[in-house]
C-alpha atoms as a PDB file:
ATOM      1  CA  UNK A   1      -0.104  -0.032   0.076  1.00  0.00           C
ATOM      2  CA  UNK A   2       1.247   3.447  -0.996  1.00  0.00           C
ATOM      3  CA  UNK A   3       1.852   5.800   1.723  1.00  0.00           C
ATOM      4  CA  UNK A   4      -0.166   8.938   2.186  1.00  0.00           C
ATOM      5  CA  UNK A   5       1.112  12.218   0.422  1.00  0.00           C
ATOM      6  CA  UNK A   6       1.275  13.909   3.910  1.00  0.00           C
ATOM      7  CA  UNK A   7       3.454  11.033   5.266  1.00  0.00           C
ATOM      8  CA  UNK A   8       5.704  11.280   2.182  1.00  0.00           C
ATOM      9  CA  UNK A   9       5.701  15.184   2.690  1.00  0.00           C
ATOM     10  CA  UNK A  10       6.706  14.849   6.280  1.00  0.00           C
ATOM     11  CA  UNK A  11      10.325  13.869   5.405  1.00  0.00           C
ATOM     12  CA  UNK A  12      10.867  17.350   4.004  1.00  0.00           C
ATOM     13  CA  UNK A  13       9.961  19.031   7.527  1.00  0.00           C
ATOM     14  CA  UNK A  14      12.925  20.970   8.560  1.00  0.00           C
ATOM     15  CA  UNK A  15      13.593  23.632  11.358  1.00  0.00           C
ATOM     16  CA  UNK A  16      15.030  26.099   9.047  1.00  0.00           C
ATOM     17  CA  UNK A  17      13.362  25.537   5.711  1.00  0.00           C
ATOM     18  CA  UNK A  18      15.653  26.284   2.749  1.00  0.00           C
ATOM     19  CA  UNK A  19      12.957  25.773  -0.065  1.00  0.00           C
ATOM     20  CA  UNK A  20       9.182  25.851  -0.607  1.00  0.00           C
ATOM     21  CA  UNK A  21       8.666  22.211  -0.402  1.00  0.00           C
ATOM     22  CA  UNK A  22      10.287  22.321   3.158  1.00  0.00           C
ATOM     23  CA  UNK A  23       7.901  25.605   3.917  1.00  0.00           C
ATOM     24  CA  UNK A  24       4.871  23.588   2.830  1.00  0.00           C
ATOM     25  CA  UNK A  25       5.853  20.555   4.739  1.00  0.00           C
ATOM     26  CA  UNK A  26       6.097  22.575   8.093  1.00  0.00           C
ATOM     27  CA  UNK A  27       2.735  24.397   7.258  1.00  0.00           C
ATOM     28  CA  UNK A  28       1.067  21.180   6.697  1.00  0.00           C
ATOM     29  CA  UNK A  29       2.410  19.715   9.886  1.00  0.00           C
ATOM     30  CA  UNK A  30       0.664  22.404  11.904  1.00  0.00           C
ATOM     31  CA  UNK A  31      -2.699  22.491   9.904  1.00  0.00           C
ATOM     32  CA  UNK A  32      -4.652  19.826  12.121  1.00  0.00           C
ATOM     33  CA  UNK A  33      -6.829  19.742   9.102  1.00  0.00           C
ATOM     34  CA  UNK A  34      -4.823  18.597   6.809  1.00  0.00           C
ATOM     35  CA  UNK A  35      -5.968  15.578   4.733  1.00  0.00           C
ATOM     36  CA  UNK A  36      -3.225  13.213   6.510  1.00  0.00           C
ATOM     37  CA  UNK A  37      -4.665  10.093   5.090  1.00  0.00           C
ATOM     38  CA  UNK A  38      -5.464  10.568   1.446  1.00  0.00           C
ATOM     39  CA  UNK A  39      -3.480   9.947  -1.775  1.00  0.00           C
ATOM     40  CA  UNK A  40      -5.792  11.634  -4.196  1.00  0.00           C
ATOM     41  CA  UNK A  41      -4.624  14.839  -6.005  1.00  0.00           C
ATOM     42  CA  UNK A  42      -8.193  15.747  -6.801  1.00  0.00           C
ATOM     43  CA  UNK A  43      -8.545  15.828  -2.622  1.00  0.00           C
ATOM     44  CA  UNK A  44      -5.511  17.630  -1.989  1.00  0.00           C
ATOM     45  CA  UNK A  45      -5.551  20.166  -4.484  1.00  0.00           C
ATOM     46  CA  UNK A  46      -9.295  20.992  -3.510  1.00  0.00           C
ATOM     47  CA  UNK A  47      -8.220  21.393   0.066  1.00  0.00           C
ATOM     48  CA  UNK A  48      -5.118  23.515  -0.559  1.00  0.00           C
ATOM     49  CA  UNK A  49      -7.082  25.838  -2.860  1.00  0.00           C
ATOM     50  CA  UNK A  50      -9.624  26.397  -0.129  1.00  0.00           C
ATOM     51  CA  UNK A  51      -7.319  26.223   3.047  1.00  0.00           C
ATOM     52  CA  UNK A  52      -3.614  26.465   1.724  1.00  0.00           C
ATOM     53  CA  UNK A  53      -3.217  29.997   2.362  1.00  0.00           C
ATOM     54  CA  UNK A  54       0.679  29.213   3.789  1.00  0.00           C
ATOM     55  CA  UNK A  55       1.375  28.311  -0.023  1.00  0.00           C
ATOM     56  CA  UNK A  56       2.627  30.961  -2.267  1.00  0.00           C
ATOM     57  CA  UNK A  57       1.267  29.375  -5.331  1.00  0.00           C
ATOM     58  CA  UNK A  58      -0.202  25.910  -5.830  1.00  0.00           C
ATOM     59  CA  UNK A  59       3.074  25.137  -8.089  1.00  0.00           C
ATOM     60  CA  UNK A  60       4.631  24.273  -4.889  1.00  0.00           C
ATOM     61  CA  UNK A  61       1.956  21.757  -4.351  1.00  0.00           C
ATOM     62  CA  UNK A  62       2.287  20.509  -7.933  1.00  0.00           C
ATOM     63  CA  UNK A  63       6.266  20.211  -7.486  1.00  0.00           C
ATOM     64  CA  UNK A  64       5.948  18.394  -4.395  1.00  0.00           C
ATOM     65  CA  UNK A  65       3.294  15.906  -5.903  1.00  0.00           C
ATOM     66  CA  UNK A  66       5.607  15.188  -8.838  1.00  0.00           C
ATOM     67  CA  UNK A  67       8.428  14.117  -6.450  1.00  0.00           C
ATOM     68  CA  UNK A  68       5.511  12.019  -4.459  1.00  0.00           C
ATOM     69  CA  UNK A  69       4.853  10.273  -7.651  1.00  0.00           C
ATOM     70  CA  UNK A  70       8.522   9.573  -8.443  1.00  0.00           C
ATOM     71  CA  UNK A  71       9.003   8.038  -4.857  1.00  0.00           C
ATOM     72  CA  UNK A  72       6.006   5.779  -5.250  1.00  0.00           C
ATOM     73  CA  UNK A  73       7.104   3.966  -8.439  1.00  0.00           C
END
């Protein structure tokens, strides 16, 4: 079974984030409503469109999603 996107993203958490994906991971960690168990692009994208005020751009999510897909192959 594939790990959830959130589980994947948590490996990018960093106390001093050096890039947008690390910032995204840090914010997702403290976002208690983040959909932690899903691996659905549509569910995650919809959630972030409405609640991802901490993302400078949805492109950050898309970049992280690409890395997630690569890791699951």
